[in-house]
Amino acid sequence: MPTFAEKARQTQRAKRAGRDEKDPADLSGAQEPDWDNPESWGGGGSGAGDSASGNAGDSAGGNESPEQKPPAAPSSAPASKGGARPPRRRGRPRGPERVPVTVRILKSTDRKLTAAVEQTGLNPQTLVEQALEAHFRRLKVEDPGPESQGDVA
């Protein structure tokens, strides 16, 4: 007997087949975009084929069109920096620089973190950072500043 998820997939396939619609997760026949040319990312420049980037940059009021926005910085700037990243598409701005840290926590702590996420609506990243900051304030631990390259032994 098919599961609920399998039934849903079958229903979606049947709907797409009736409309001759391609599965958006199907990457067969997809071409690698020209990462050095952001203008080529939108599928012909109209933005109609790229619904994620078309909606991601919209303002809260929704009264600005993409054509009214100033053009992005020239794409040659990142290339001159050497190993810099290519320019990003419009959308959510990049957050502060973070350092990946791996820790192991007790199952009870994980359950409490999950409950806190559900109660506050914040994500685990924000909750952990706020908790650490509160703990550091209680201990009167201050930021020693950026690490210098000469201190490495």
N, C-alpha and C. Protein backbone atom coordinates (compact mmCIF):
# COMPACT_ATOMS: atom_id res chain seq x y z
N MET A 1 0.85 -1.17 0.00
CA MET A 1 0.00 0.00 0.00
C MET A 1 0.89 1.24 0.00
N PRO A 2 0.66 2.19 -0.93
CA PRO A 2 1.53 3.37 -1.01
C PRO A 2 1.33 4.29 0.20
N THR A 3 2.42 4.92 0.59
CA THR A 3 2.36 5.85 1.71
C THR A 3 1.76 7.17 1.25
N PHE A 4 1.50 8.03 2.22
CA PHE A 4 0.94 9.34 1.90
C PHE A 4 1.87 10.12 0.97
N ALA A 5 3.18 10.09 1.25
CA ALA A 5 4.15 10.81 0.44
C ALA A 5 4.18 10.26 -0.99
N GLU A 6 4.11 8.94 -1.13
CA GLU A 6 4.12 8.34 -2.47
C GLU A 6 2.87 8.73 -3.23
N LYS A 7 1.72 8.75 -2.57
CA LYS A 7 0.48 9.18 -3.22
C LYS A 7 0.58 10.63 -3.69
N ALA A 8 1.19 11.49 -2.84
CA ALA A 8 1.33 12.89 -3.20
C ALA A 8 2.25 13.05 -4.42
N ARG A 9 3.35 12.29 -4.46
CA ARG A 9 4.25 12.34 -5.61
C ARG A 9 3.54 11.89 -6.88
N GLN A 10 2.75 10.81 -6.77
CA GLN A 10 2.03 10.31 -7.93
C GLN A 10 1.02 11.35 -8.43
N THR A 11 0.35 12.01 -7.51
CA THR A 11 -0.62 13.04 -7.89
C THR A 11 0.08 14.20 -8.59
N GLN A 12 1.25 14.63 -8.07
CA GLN A 12 2.00 15.71 -8.70
C GLN A 12 2.47 15.32 -10.09
N ARG A 13 2.95 14.09 -10.24
CA ARG A 13 3.40 13.63 -11.57
C ARG A 13 2.24 13.63 -12.55
N ALA A 14 1.07 13.18 -12.10
CA ALA A 14 -0.09 13.15 -12.98
C ALA A 14 -0.49 14.56 -13.40
N LYS A 15 -0.46 15.50 -12.48
CA LYS A 15 -0.80 16.89 -12.81
C LYS A 15 0.18 17.47 -13.82
N ARG A 16 1.50 17.24 -13.57
CA ARG A 16 2.50 17.77 -14.49
C ARG A 16 2.38 17.14 -15.87
N ALA A 17 2.11 15.84 -15.91
CA ALA A 17 1.98 15.16 -17.20
C ALA A 17 0.81 15.74 -17.99
N GLY A 18 -0.26 16.09 -17.30
CA GLY A 18 -1.42 16.67 -17.97
C GLY A 18 -1.15 18.07 -18.50
N ARG A 19 -0.22 18.78 -17.90
CA ARG A 19 0.07 20.15 -18.33
C ARG A 19 1.38 20.24 -19.09
N ASP A 20 2.04 19.14 -19.34
CA ASP A 20 3.35 19.11 -19.98
C ASP A 20 4.34 19.97 -19.20
N GLU A 21 4.28 19.89 -17.89
CA GLU A 21 5.15 20.67 -17.03
C GLU A 21 6.30 19.81 -16.55
N LYS A 22 7.49 20.36 -16.56
CA LYS A 22 8.67 19.63 -16.12
C LYS A 22 8.78 19.71 -14.60
N ASP A 23 9.21 18.63 -14.00
CA ASP A 23 9.45 18.61 -12.56
C ASP A 23 10.59 19.58 -12.25
N PRO A 24 10.38 20.56 -11.34
CA PRO A 24 11.43 21.53 -11.07
C PRO A 24 12.68 20.92 -10.45
N ALA A 25 12.56 19.77 -9.81
CA ALA A 25 13.73 19.13 -9.20
C ALA A 25 14.49 18.26 -10.19
N ASP A 26 13.94 18.06 -11.38
CA ASP A 26 14.59 17.22 -12.38
C ASP A 26 15.66 18.04 -13.08
N LEU A 27 16.92 17.68 -12.89
CA LEU A 27 18.03 18.43 -13.47
C LEU A 27 18.51 17.84 -14.79
N SER A 28 17.82 16.85 -15.31
CA SER A 28 18.27 16.27 -16.57
C SER A 28 18.13 17.31 -17.67
N GLY A 29 19.16 17.46 -18.45
CA GLY A 29 19.16 18.42 -19.54
C GLY A 29 19.44 19.84 -19.10
N ALA A 30 19.69 20.06 -17.83
CA ALA A 30 19.98 21.40 -17.34
C ALA A 30 21.40 21.78 -17.70
N GLN A 31 21.58 23.04 -18.05
CA GLN A 31 22.91 23.52 -18.39
C GLN A 31 23.49 24.28 -17.22
N GLU A 32 24.78 24.18 -17.06
CA GLU A 32 25.48 24.93 -16.01
C GLU A 32 25.43 26.41 -16.38
N PRO A 33 24.98 27.27 -15.44
CA PRO A 33 24.93 28.70 -15.76
C PRO A 33 26.33 29.30 -15.90
N ASP A 34 26.39 30.41 -16.61
CA ASP A 34 27.64 31.14 -16.74
C ASP A 34 27.80 31.98 -15.48
N TRP A 35 28.59 31.50 -14.52
CA TRP A 35 28.69 32.13 -13.21
C TRP A 35 29.33 33.51 -13.28
N ASP A 36 30.08 33.79 -14.33
CA ASP A 36 30.71 35.09 -14.47
C ASP A 36 29.77 36.13 -15.07
N ASN A 37 28.61 35.72 -15.52
CA ASN A 37 27.67 36.64 -16.15
C ASN A 37 26.31 36.52 -15.48
N PRO A 38 26.01 37.34 -14.46
CA PRO A 38 24.74 37.23 -13.74
C PRO A 38 23.52 37.49 -14.63
N GLU A 39 23.72 38.23 -15.72
CA GLU A 39 22.59 38.52 -16.61
C GLU A 39 22.05 37.24 -17.27
N SER A 40 22.90 36.21 -17.38
CA SER A 40 22.46 34.98 -18.03
C SER A 40 21.74 34.04 -17.08
N TRP A 41 21.69 34.37 -15.79
CA TRP A 41 21.09 33.46 -14.81
C TRP A 41 19.58 33.42 -14.90
N GLY A 42 18.93 34.45 -15.33
CA GLY A 42 17.47 34.55 -15.25
C GLY A 42 16.73 33.87 -16.37
N GLY A 43 17.38 33.13 -17.22
CA GLY A 43 16.67 32.43 -18.30
C GLY A 43 16.16 33.38 -19.36
N GLY A 44 17.05 34.15 -19.99
CA GLY A 44 16.63 35.03 -21.05
C GLY A 44 16.46 36.47 -20.58
N GLY A 45 16.72 36.76 -19.35
CA GLY A 45 16.65 38.12 -18.87
C GLY A 45 15.28 38.55 -18.40
N SER A 46 14.23 37.81 -18.72
CA SER A 46 12.89 38.23 -18.32
C SER A 46 12.60 37.94 -16.87
N GLY A 47 13.28 36.97 -16.28
CA GLY A 47 13.04 36.61 -14.89
C GLY A 47 11.85 35.69 -14.74
N ALA A 48 11.14 35.39 -15.81
CA ALA A 48 9.96 34.55 -15.71
C ALA A 48 10.30 33.12 -15.36
N GLY A 49 11.47 32.64 -15.80
CA GLY A 49 11.82 31.27 -15.53
C GLY A 49 12.52 31.06 -14.19
N ASP A 50 12.78 32.14 -13.47
CA ASP A 50 13.51 32.03 -12.22
C ASP A 50 12.68 32.63 -11.10
N SER A 51 11.68 31.91 -10.67
CA SER A 51 10.73 32.47 -9.70
C SER A 51 11.37 32.72 -8.36
N ALA A 52 12.37 31.94 -7.97
CA ALA A 52 12.99 32.14 -6.66
C ALA A 52 13.71 33.46 -6.60
N SER A 53 14.53 33.77 -7.60
CA SER A 53 15.25 35.03 -7.55
C SER A 53 14.35 36.20 -7.88
N GLY A 54 13.29 35.97 -8.62
CA GLY A 54 12.35 37.04 -8.93
C GLY A 54 11.60 37.51 -7.71
N ASN A 55 11.32 36.61 -6.79
CA ASN A 55 10.58 36.99 -5.59
C ASN A 55 11.49 37.37 -4.45
N ALA A 56 12.72 36.89 -4.44
CA ALA A 56 13.60 37.05 -3.29
C ALA A 56 13.97 38.49 -3.05
N GLY A 57 14.10 39.31 -4.09
CA GLY A 57 14.54 40.66 -3.91
C GLY A 57 13.42 41.67 -3.76
N ASP A 58 12.18 41.24 -3.85
CA ASP A 58 11.06 42.17 -3.78
C ASP A 58 11.00 42.82 -2.42
N SER A 59 10.65 44.09 -2.41
CA SER A 59 10.51 44.80 -1.13
C SER A 59 9.22 44.39 -0.47
N ALA A 60 9.07 44.75 0.81
CA ALA A 60 7.89 44.37 1.56
C ALA A 60 6.64 45.00 0.97
N GLY A 61 6.77 46.22 0.43
CA GLY A 61 5.61 46.91 -0.14
C GLY A 61 5.20 46.30 -1.47
N GLY A 62 6.17 45.75 -2.19
CA GLY A 62 5.87 45.12 -3.47
C GLY A 62 5.61 46.11 -4.58
N ASN A 63 5.92 47.42 -4.40
CA ASN A 63 5.63 48.39 -5.44
C ASN A 63 6.83 48.72 -6.30
N GLU A 64 7.95 48.08 -6.07
CA GLU A 64 9.12 48.30 -6.90
C GLU A 64 9.25 47.16 -7.90
N SER A 65 9.59 47.52 -9.12
CA SER A 65 9.83 46.47 -10.11
C SER A 65 11.33 46.31 -10.27
N PRO A 66 11.80 45.15 -10.74
CA PRO A 66 13.24 44.94 -10.89
C PRO A 66 13.87 45.96 -11.82
N GLU A 67 13.13 46.49 -12.80
CA GLU A 67 13.69 47.43 -13.75
C GLU A 67 14.00 48.78 -13.10
N GLN A 68 13.35 49.12 -11.99
CA GLN A 68 13.55 50.40 -11.34
C GLN A 68 14.76 50.40 -10.43
N LYS A 69 15.30 49.27 -10.13
CA LYS A 69 16.42 49.17 -9.21
C LYS A 69 17.71 49.50 -9.94
N PRO A 70 18.70 50.09 -9.23
CA PRO A 70 19.97 50.40 -9.89
C PRO A 70 20.70 49.13 -10.27
N PRO A 71 21.50 49.18 -11.32
CA PRO A 71 22.23 47.97 -11.73
C PRO A 71 23.24 47.56 -10.68
N ALA A 72 23.53 46.29 -10.66
CA ALA A 72 24.49 45.74 -9.69
C ALA A 72 25.89 46.20 -10.05
N ALA A 73 26.81 46.04 -9.11
CA ALA A 73 28.20 46.41 -9.35
C ALA A 73 28.76 45.56 -10.47
N PRO A 74 29.71 46.09 -11.21
CA PRO A 74 30.27 45.31 -12.32
C PRO A 74 30.85 43.99 -11.84
N SER A 75 30.69 42.97 -12.68
CA SER A 75 31.14 41.64 -12.28
C SER A 75 32.65 41.49 -12.37
N SER A 76 33.38 42.49 -12.90
CA SER A 76 34.82 42.37 -13.00
C SER A 76 35.51 42.60 -11.66
N ALA A 77 34.85 43.25 -10.70
CA ALA A 77 35.47 43.54 -9.41
C ALA A 77 35.87 42.28 -8.65
N PRO A 78 34.98 41.26 -8.52
CA PRO A 78 35.40 40.06 -7.78
C PRO A 78 36.54 39.32 -8.47
N ALA A 79 36.61 39.37 -9.79
CA ALA A 79 37.65 38.65 -10.50
C ALA A 79 39.02 39.24 -10.19
N SER A 80 39.08 40.55 -9.93
CA SER A 80 40.36 41.17 -9.65
C SER A 80 40.88 40.83 -8.26
N LYS A 81 40.02 40.36 -7.36
CA LYS A 81 40.44 40.03 -6.00
C LYS A 81 41.06 38.64 -5.91
N GLY A 82 41.07 37.91 -6.97
CA GLY A 82 41.67 36.57 -6.95
C GLY A 82 40.65 35.51 -6.60
N GLY A 83 40.61 35.07 -5.34
CA GLY A 83 39.73 33.98 -4.93
C GLY A 83 38.39 34.45 -4.41
N ALA A 84 37.94 35.63 -4.76
CA ALA A 84 36.67 36.15 -4.27
C ALA A 84 35.50 35.41 -4.92
N ARG A 85 34.38 35.45 -4.25
CA ARG A 85 33.17 34.79 -4.76
C ARG A 85 32.57 35.62 -5.89
N PRO A 86 31.83 34.96 -6.79
CA PRO A 86 31.13 35.71 -7.83
C PRO A 86 30.00 36.52 -7.19
N PRO A 87 29.52 37.55 -7.87
CA PRO A 87 28.44 38.35 -7.29
C PRO A 87 27.20 37.50 -7.05
N ARG A 88 26.49 37.80 -5.96
CA ARG A 88 25.31 37.04 -5.61
C ARG A 88 24.09 37.59 -6.32
N ARG A 89 23.12 36.72 -6.48
CA ARG A 89 21.84 37.18 -7.00
C ARG A 89 21.14 38.00 -5.94
N ARG A 90 20.17 38.77 -6.36
CA ARG A 90 19.39 39.53 -5.40
C ARG A 90 18.72 38.56 -4.46
N GLY A 91 18.42 39.02 -3.28
CA GLY A 91 17.76 38.16 -2.32
C GLY A 91 18.17 38.55 -0.92
N ARG A 92 18.18 37.60 -0.08
CA ARG A 92 18.52 37.86 1.31
C ARG A 92 19.98 38.28 1.42
N PRO A 93 20.26 39.38 2.12
CA PRO A 93 21.65 39.82 2.23
C PRO A 93 22.48 38.86 3.06
N ARG A 94 23.75 38.87 2.79
CA ARG A 94 24.68 38.01 3.51
C ARG A 94 24.76 38.48 4.97
N GLY A 95 24.72 37.58 5.88
CA GLY A 95 24.79 37.92 7.30
C GLY A 95 26.23 38.15 7.74
N PRO A 96 26.42 38.33 9.03
CA PRO A 96 27.80 38.54 9.50
C PRO A 96 28.64 37.29 9.29
N GLU A 97 29.95 37.50 9.20
CA GLU A 97 30.85 36.37 8.99
C GLU A 97 30.81 35.46 10.22
N ARG A 98 30.70 34.17 10.00
CA ARG A 98 30.60 33.22 11.09
C ARG A 98 31.72 32.18 10.98
N VAL A 99 32.04 31.59 12.10
CA VAL A 99 33.06 30.54 12.17
C VAL A 99 32.33 29.22 12.44
N PRO A 100 32.54 28.20 11.61
CA PRO A 100 31.88 26.92 11.88
C PRO A 100 32.45 26.27 13.14
N VAL A 101 31.57 25.88 14.04
CA VAL A 101 31.97 25.23 15.28
C VAL A 101 31.13 23.97 15.45
N THR A 102 31.75 22.89 15.80
CA THR A 102 31.02 21.66 16.04
C THR A 102 31.10 21.33 17.52
N VAL A 103 29.94 21.14 18.12
CA VAL A 103 29.88 20.75 19.52
C VAL A 103 28.91 19.61 19.67
N ARG A 104 29.04 18.87 20.74
CA ARG A 104 28.10 17.81 21.06
C ARG A 104 27.34 18.24 22.30
N ILE A 105 26.03 18.12 22.25
CA ILE A 105 25.23 18.52 23.41
C ILE A 105 24.43 17.32 23.89
N LEU A 106 24.01 17.38 25.13
CA LEU A 106 23.20 16.31 25.69
C LEU A 106 21.84 16.26 25.02
N LYS A 107 21.21 15.09 25.03
CA LYS A 107 19.89 14.95 24.43
C LYS A 107 18.89 15.87 25.10
N SER A 108 18.99 16.01 26.42
CA SER A 108 18.06 16.88 27.14
C SER A 108 18.24 18.34 26.70
N THR A 109 19.49 18.75 26.45
CA THR A 109 19.76 20.11 25.97
C THR A 109 19.19 20.30 24.57
N ASP A 110 19.32 19.29 23.74
CA ASP A 110 18.77 19.35 22.40
C ASP A 110 17.25 19.47 22.43
N ARG A 111 16.61 18.73 23.34
CA ARG A 111 15.15 18.83 23.47
C ARG A 111 14.75 20.22 23.92
N LYS A 112 15.51 20.79 24.86
CA LYS A 112 15.22 22.14 25.34
C LYS A 112 15.41 23.16 24.21
N LEU A 113 16.45 22.99 23.42
CA LEU A 113 16.68 23.89 22.29
C LEU A 113 15.53 23.80 21.30
N THR A 114 15.08 22.59 21.01
CA THR A 114 13.94 22.41 20.10
C THR A 114 12.70 23.09 20.65
N ALA A 115 12.43 22.92 21.95
CA ALA A 115 11.27 23.56 22.57
C ALA A 115 11.39 25.08 22.50
N ALA A 116 12.59 25.60 22.73
CA ALA A 116 12.80 27.05 22.66
C ALA A 116 12.58 27.58 21.25
N VAL A 117 13.01 26.83 20.24
CA VAL A 117 12.80 27.22 18.85
C VAL A 117 11.30 27.30 18.56
N GLU A 118 10.55 26.31 19.02
CA GLU A 118 9.11 26.29 18.79
C GLU A 118 8.41 27.43 19.53
N GLN A 119 8.85 27.71 20.75
CA GLN A 119 8.20 28.76 21.55
C GLN A 119 8.51 30.16 21.02
N THR A 120 9.76 30.40 20.64
CA THR A 120 10.16 31.76 20.27
C THR A 120 10.00 32.04 18.78
N GLY A 121 10.05 31.01 17.97
CA GLY A 121 10.01 31.22 16.53
C GLY A 121 11.37 31.60 15.96
N LEU A 122 12.39 31.67 16.81
CA LEU A 122 13.74 31.96 16.35
C LEU A 122 14.40 30.67 15.87
N ASN A 123 15.49 30.82 15.11
CA ASN A 123 16.18 29.61 14.67
C ASN A 123 17.24 29.22 15.69
N PRO A 124 17.72 27.98 15.66
CA PRO A 124 18.70 27.52 16.64
C PRO A 124 19.98 28.37 16.66
N GLN A 125 20.42 28.83 15.49
CA GLN A 125 21.62 29.67 15.41
C GLN A 125 21.46 30.90 16.30
N THR A 126 20.34 31.60 16.15
CA THR A 126 20.10 32.82 16.92
C THR A 126 19.99 32.53 18.41
N LEU A 127 19.26 31.47 18.76
CA LEU A 127 19.10 31.13 20.18
C LEU A 127 20.43 30.80 20.85
N VAL A 128 21.26 30.03 20.18
CA VAL A 128 22.55 29.65 20.76
C VAL A 128 23.44 30.88 20.91
N GLU A 129 23.46 31.76 19.90
CA GLU A 129 24.28 32.97 20.00
C GLU A 129 23.80 33.87 21.13
N GLN A 130 22.47 34.02 21.28
CA GLN A 130 21.94 34.85 22.37
C GLN A 130 22.27 34.24 23.73
N ALA A 131 22.17 32.93 23.84
CA ALA A 131 22.47 32.27 25.11
C ALA A 131 23.95 32.42 25.47
N LEU A 132 24.82 32.26 24.49
CA LEU A 132 26.25 32.42 24.76
C LEU A 132 26.58 33.86 25.15
N GLU A 133 25.98 34.83 24.47
CA GLU A 133 26.22 36.23 24.82
C GLU A 133 25.77 36.52 26.25
N ALA A 134 24.60 36.00 26.64
CA ALA A 134 24.11 36.20 28.00
C ALA A 134 25.06 35.56 29.01
N HIS A 135 25.55 34.39 28.69
CA HIS A 135 26.49 33.69 29.57
C HIS A 135 27.80 34.47 29.70
N PHE A 136 28.30 34.98 28.59
CA PHE A 136 29.53 35.77 28.62
C PHE A 136 29.35 37.04 29.45
N ARG A 137 28.19 37.68 29.33
CA ARG A 137 27.94 38.89 30.14
C ARG A 137 27.94 38.55 31.63
N ARG A 138 27.30 37.41 31.99
CA ARG A 138 27.27 37.00 33.40
C ARG A 138 28.68 36.74 33.93
N LEU A 139 29.52 36.15 33.09
CA LEU A 139 30.90 35.84 33.49
C LEU A 139 31.84 37.03 33.32
N LYS A 140 31.32 38.11 32.75
CA LYS A 140 32.11 39.31 32.44
C LYS A 140 33.28 38.99 31.51
N VAL A 141 33.02 38.14 30.51
CA VAL A 141 34.01 37.81 29.49
C VAL A 141 33.80 38.77 28.33
N GLU A 142 34.88 39.45 27.92
CA GLU A 142 34.79 40.41 26.82
C GLU A 142 35.53 39.88 25.61
N ASP A 143 35.17 40.42 24.45
CA ASP A 143 35.79 40.03 23.20
C ASP A 143 37.24 40.50 23.21
N PRO A 144 38.21 39.58 23.06
CA PRO A 144 39.62 39.99 23.08
C PRO A 144 40.04 40.69 21.79
N GLY A 145 39.17 40.75 20.80
CA GLY A 145 39.51 41.39 19.54
C GLY A 145 39.93 40.37 18.51
N PRO A 146 40.15 40.83 17.29
CA PRO A 146 40.54 39.88 16.23
C PRO A 146 41.90 39.28 16.50
N GLU A 147 42.04 38.03 16.05
CA GLU A 147 43.32 37.31 16.23
C GLU A 147 44.35 37.92 15.30
N SER A 148 45.56 38.06 15.77
CA SER A 148 46.62 38.54 14.90
C SER A 148 47.35 37.35 14.32
N GLN A 149 47.90 37.51 13.13
CA GLN A 149 48.57 36.40 12.43
C GLN A 149 49.89 36.04 13.09
N GLY A 150 50.53 36.98 13.81
CA GLY A 150 51.83 36.71 14.41
C GLY A 150 51.77 35.87 15.66
N ASP A 151 50.58 35.70 16.27
CA ASP A 151 50.44 34.97 17.51
C ASP A 151 50.46 33.46 17.34
N VAL A 152 50.39 32.99 16.13
CA VAL A 152 50.30 31.55 15.90
C VAL A 152 51.67 30.93 16.13
N ALA A 153 51.73 29.91 16.97
CA ALA A 153 53.03 29.30 17.28
C ALA A 153 53.16 27.95 16.65
